[in-house]
Amino acid sequence: MEHKILVHSHVGSDGILQLQVPTEYKDTDLKVTITIQSATPPQKKTPEELGWTPGFFERTAGAWEGEPLKRGEQGEFEERLWELL
């Protein structure tokens, strides 16, 4: 029998997650699959927090003053055979 359970839980500073299952599974061996997903969305970092100097993008976006950039010929697309495992 397969039983799917969705649990919202908190992992303590010791890194231990406690999981309780329905009592119908007491005194038995189980195969358990765990998918870890953060319950809170990640906070976006500023460019400065990522190591860029303040104002870098404002100073450089659209600042190219040389010859227009041209994309060269890309050639033929390579066909590949994929083997599914």
N, C-alpha and C. Protein backbone atom coordinates (compact mmCIF):
# COMPACT_ATOMS: atom_id res chain seq x y z
N MET A 1 0.85 -1.17 0.00
CA MET A 1 0.00 0.00 0.00
C MET A 1 0.90 1.24 0.00
N GLU A 2 0.52 2.23 -0.79
CA GLU A 2 1.27 3.49 -0.83
C GLU A 2 0.43 4.57 -0.19
N HIS A 3 1.06 5.39 0.62
CA HIS A 3 0.38 6.46 1.33
C HIS A 3 1.22 7.72 1.16
N LYS A 4 0.67 8.77 0.56
CA LYS A 4 1.41 10.02 0.38
C LYS A 4 1.00 11.00 1.47
N ILE A 5 2.01 11.60 2.08
CA ILE A 5 1.77 12.55 3.17
C ILE A 5 2.55 13.82 2.87
N LEU A 6 1.90 14.98 2.95
CA LEU A 6 2.58 16.27 2.80
C LEU A 6 2.72 16.87 4.19
N VAL A 7 3.94 17.18 4.58
CA VAL A 7 4.20 17.69 5.92
C VAL A 7 4.91 19.04 5.82
N HIS A 8 4.43 20.01 6.56
CA HIS A 8 5.13 21.28 6.71
C HIS A 8 5.73 21.23 8.11
N SER A 9 7.04 21.29 8.18
CA SER A 9 7.70 21.08 9.45
C SER A 9 8.86 22.05 9.61
N HIS A 10 9.45 22.07 10.77
CA HIS A 10 10.60 22.92 11.08
C HIS A 10 11.76 22.05 11.49
N VAL A 11 12.92 22.32 10.90
CA VAL A 11 14.13 21.62 11.29
C VAL A 11 14.85 22.50 12.29
N GLY A 12 15.14 21.95 13.46
CA GLY A 12 15.80 22.72 14.51
C GLY A 12 17.27 22.98 14.20
N SER A 13 17.92 23.73 15.05
CA SER A 13 19.33 24.06 14.86
C SER A 13 20.22 22.83 14.92
N ASP A 14 19.69 21.72 15.45
CA ASP A 14 20.45 20.47 15.49
C ASP A 14 20.36 19.71 14.16
N GLY A 15 19.54 20.23 13.21
CA GLY A 15 19.42 19.59 11.91
C GLY A 15 18.51 18.37 11.90
N ILE A 16 17.76 18.16 12.95
CA ILE A 16 16.91 16.98 13.06
C ILE A 16 15.47 17.32 12.66
N LEU A 17 14.93 16.53 11.74
CA LEU A 17 13.54 16.64 11.33
C LEU A 17 12.80 15.45 11.94
N GLN A 18 11.77 15.71 12.69
CA GLN A 18 10.99 14.62 13.27
C GLN A 18 9.78 14.36 12.39
N LEU A 19 9.55 13.09 12.08
CA LEU A 19 8.47 12.70 11.18
C LEU A 19 7.60 11.67 11.88
N GLN A 20 6.30 11.91 11.88
CA GLN A 20 5.36 10.94 12.44
C GLN A 20 4.53 10.39 11.30
N VAL A 21 4.31 9.09 11.30
CA VAL A 21 3.52 8.43 10.25
C VAL A 21 2.26 7.87 10.88
N PRO A 22 1.25 7.57 10.05
CA PRO A 22 0.01 7.00 10.58
C PRO A 22 0.28 5.72 11.37
N THR A 23 -0.50 5.48 12.41
CA THR A 23 -0.29 4.33 13.29
C THR A 23 -0.47 3.00 12.58
N GLU A 24 -1.10 2.98 11.42
CA GLU A 24 -1.24 1.73 10.68
C GLU A 24 0.12 1.18 10.25
N TYR A 25 1.16 2.00 10.31
CA TYR A 25 2.50 1.57 9.90
C TYR A 25 3.39 1.23 11.09
N LYS A 26 2.83 1.06 12.26
CA LYS A 26 3.68 0.76 13.42
C LYS A 26 4.26 -0.65 13.31
N ASP A 27 5.44 -0.81 13.85
CA ASP A 27 6.14 -2.09 13.89
C ASP A 27 6.27 -2.75 12.52
N THR A 28 6.72 -1.93 11.54
CA THR A 28 6.92 -2.45 10.18
C THR A 28 8.06 -1.69 9.51
N ASP A 29 8.61 -2.27 8.46
CA ASP A 29 9.65 -1.60 7.69
C ASP A 29 8.98 -0.76 6.61
N LEU A 30 9.52 0.43 6.39
CA LEU A 30 8.97 1.33 5.39
C LEU A 30 10.05 1.80 4.43
N LYS A 31 9.65 2.08 3.22
CA LYS A 31 10.51 2.76 2.26
C LYS A 31 9.97 4.19 2.20
N VAL A 32 10.82 5.16 2.54
CA VAL A 32 10.39 6.56 2.64
C VAL A 32 11.18 7.40 1.65
N THR A 33 10.48 8.23 0.88
CA THR A 33 11.12 9.16 -0.04
C THR A 33 10.87 10.57 0.50
N ILE A 34 11.94 11.37 0.60
CA ILE A 34 11.82 12.73 1.13
C ILE A 34 12.27 13.71 0.06
N THR A 35 11.43 14.70 -0.21
CA THR A 35 11.79 15.81 -1.10
C THR A 35 11.87 17.05 -0.22
N ILE A 36 13.01 17.71 -0.24
CA ILE A 36 13.19 18.89 0.61
C ILE A 36 12.97 20.14 -0.24
N GLN A 37 12.03 20.97 0.20
CA GLN A 37 11.71 22.23 -0.45
C GLN A 37 11.57 23.28 0.63
N SER A 38 12.20 24.43 0.41
CA SER A 38 12.07 25.52 1.38
C SER A 38 10.64 26.03 1.38
N ALA A 39 10.09 26.30 2.56
CA ALA A 39 8.73 26.82 2.67
C ALA A 39 8.70 28.32 2.46
N THR A 40 9.84 28.97 2.52
CA THR A 40 9.90 30.41 2.30
C THR A 40 10.71 30.69 1.04
N PRO A 41 10.25 31.63 0.21
CA PRO A 41 10.99 31.92 -1.01
C PRO A 41 12.35 32.53 -0.69
N PRO A 42 13.38 32.23 -1.50
CA PRO A 42 14.70 32.80 -1.24
C PRO A 42 14.68 34.32 -1.43
N GLN A 43 15.45 35.01 -0.62
CA GLN A 43 15.55 36.46 -0.71
C GLN A 43 16.51 36.82 -1.84
N LYS A 44 16.10 37.72 -2.72
CA LYS A 44 16.98 38.16 -3.80
C LYS A 44 18.07 39.04 -3.23
N LYS A 45 19.29 38.81 -3.69
CA LYS A 45 20.42 39.62 -3.24
C LYS A 45 20.63 40.80 -4.18
N THR A 46 21.11 41.90 -3.64
CA THR A 46 21.42 43.06 -4.45
C THR A 46 22.71 42.80 -5.22
N PRO A 47 22.95 43.54 -6.31
CA PRO A 47 24.22 43.37 -7.02
C PRO A 47 25.43 43.57 -6.10
N GLU A 48 25.32 44.48 -5.18
CA GLU A 48 26.43 44.72 -4.25
C GLU A 48 26.67 43.51 -3.35
N GLU A 49 25.60 42.85 -2.91
CA GLU A 49 25.74 41.65 -2.09
C GLU A 49 26.36 40.51 -2.89
N LEU A 50 26.22 40.56 -4.22
CA LEU A 50 26.80 39.54 -5.09
C LEU A 50 28.22 39.89 -5.53
N GLY A 51 28.76 41.01 -5.03
CA GLY A 51 30.15 41.36 -5.30
C GLY A 51 30.37 42.42 -6.37
N TRP A 52 29.30 42.98 -6.95
CA TRP A 52 29.45 44.03 -7.95
C TRP A 52 29.63 45.37 -7.25
N THR A 53 30.40 46.26 -7.86
CA THR A 53 30.59 47.59 -7.26
C THR A 53 29.29 48.38 -7.40
N PRO A 54 29.02 49.28 -6.44
CA PRO A 54 27.78 50.06 -6.50
C PRO A 54 27.68 50.84 -7.82
N GLY A 55 26.52 50.78 -8.47
CA GLY A 55 26.27 51.52 -9.70
C GLY A 55 26.88 50.91 -10.95
N PHE A 56 27.48 49.71 -10.86
CA PHE A 56 28.16 49.10 -12.01
C PHE A 56 27.23 48.98 -13.22
N PHE A 57 26.05 48.43 -13.03
CA PHE A 57 25.15 48.20 -14.15
C PHE A 57 24.59 49.51 -14.71
N GLU A 58 24.34 50.47 -13.86
CA GLU A 58 23.85 51.76 -14.32
C GLU A 58 24.92 52.46 -15.17
N ARG A 59 26.20 52.30 -14.81
CA ARG A 59 27.29 52.94 -15.56
C ARG A 59 27.60 52.22 -16.86
N THR A 60 27.38 50.92 -16.92
CA THR A 60 27.84 50.16 -18.08
C THR A 60 26.74 49.75 -19.05
N ALA A 61 25.50 49.66 -18.63
CA ALA A 61 24.41 49.24 -19.53
C ALA A 61 24.26 50.27 -20.65
N GLY A 62 24.39 49.81 -21.90
CA GLY A 62 24.25 50.69 -23.06
C GLY A 62 25.43 51.60 -23.30
N ALA A 63 26.57 51.35 -22.65
CA ALA A 63 27.71 52.25 -22.73
C ALA A 63 28.68 51.93 -23.87
N TRP A 64 28.44 50.88 -24.67
CA TRP A 64 29.35 50.52 -25.76
C TRP A 64 29.41 51.66 -26.77
N GLU A 65 30.65 52.10 -27.11
CA GLU A 65 30.81 53.21 -28.03
C GLU A 65 31.62 52.84 -29.26
N GLY A 66 31.98 51.57 -29.43
CA GLY A 66 32.77 51.13 -30.57
C GLY A 66 31.88 50.80 -31.76
N GLU A 67 32.45 50.06 -32.70
CA GLU A 67 31.69 49.62 -33.87
C GLU A 67 30.52 48.76 -33.41
N PRO A 68 29.43 48.77 -34.21
CA PRO A 68 28.30 47.92 -33.83
C PRO A 68 28.74 46.45 -33.75
N LEU A 69 28.25 45.78 -32.76
CA LEU A 69 28.57 44.37 -32.59
C LEU A 69 27.72 43.55 -33.56
N LYS A 70 28.36 42.58 -34.23
CA LYS A 70 27.64 41.73 -35.18
C LYS A 70 27.84 40.28 -34.78
N ARG A 71 26.77 39.54 -34.88
CA ARG A 71 26.85 38.11 -34.59
C ARG A 71 27.26 37.39 -35.87
N GLY A 72 28.33 36.63 -35.79
CA GLY A 72 28.81 35.92 -36.96
C GLY A 72 27.92 34.75 -37.32
N GLU A 73 28.22 34.14 -38.48
CA GLU A 73 27.47 32.97 -38.94
C GLU A 73 27.58 31.85 -37.92
N GLN A 74 26.47 31.19 -37.63
CA GLN A 74 26.45 30.16 -36.60
C GLN A 74 26.65 28.76 -37.15
N GLY A 75 26.59 28.59 -38.47
CA GLY A 75 26.81 27.27 -39.04
C GLY A 75 25.58 26.39 -38.91
N GLU A 76 25.77 25.12 -39.22
CA GLU A 76 24.66 24.16 -39.17
C GLU A 76 24.48 23.62 -37.75
N PHE A 77 23.25 23.38 -37.41
CA PHE A 77 22.93 22.79 -36.11
C PHE A 77 23.29 21.31 -36.13
N GLU A 78 24.01 20.87 -35.13
CA GLU A 78 24.44 19.48 -35.05
C GLU A 78 23.29 18.59 -34.55
N GLU A 79 22.97 17.56 -35.32
CA GLU A 79 21.94 16.60 -34.91
C GLU A 79 22.59 15.56 -34.00
N ARG A 80 21.98 15.28 -32.88
CA ARG A 80 22.51 14.29 -31.95
C ARG A 80 21.45 13.25 -31.63
N LEU A 81 21.90 12.04 -31.48
CA LEU A 81 21.01 10.98 -31.05
C LEU A 81 21.11 10.85 -29.54
N TRP A 82 19.99 10.87 -28.87
CA TRP A 82 19.98 10.76 -27.42
C TRP A 82 19.48 9.38 -27.02
N GLU A 83 20.18 8.78 -26.12
CA GLU A 83 19.77 7.48 -25.62
C GLU A 83 19.20 7.66 -24.22
N LEU A 84 17.98 7.26 -24.04
CA LEU A 84 17.35 7.37 -22.73
C LEU A 84 17.73 6.17 -21.89
N LEU A 85 18.08 6.43 -20.66
CA LEU A 85 18.47 5.33 -19.77
C LEU A 85 17.24 4.70 -19.16
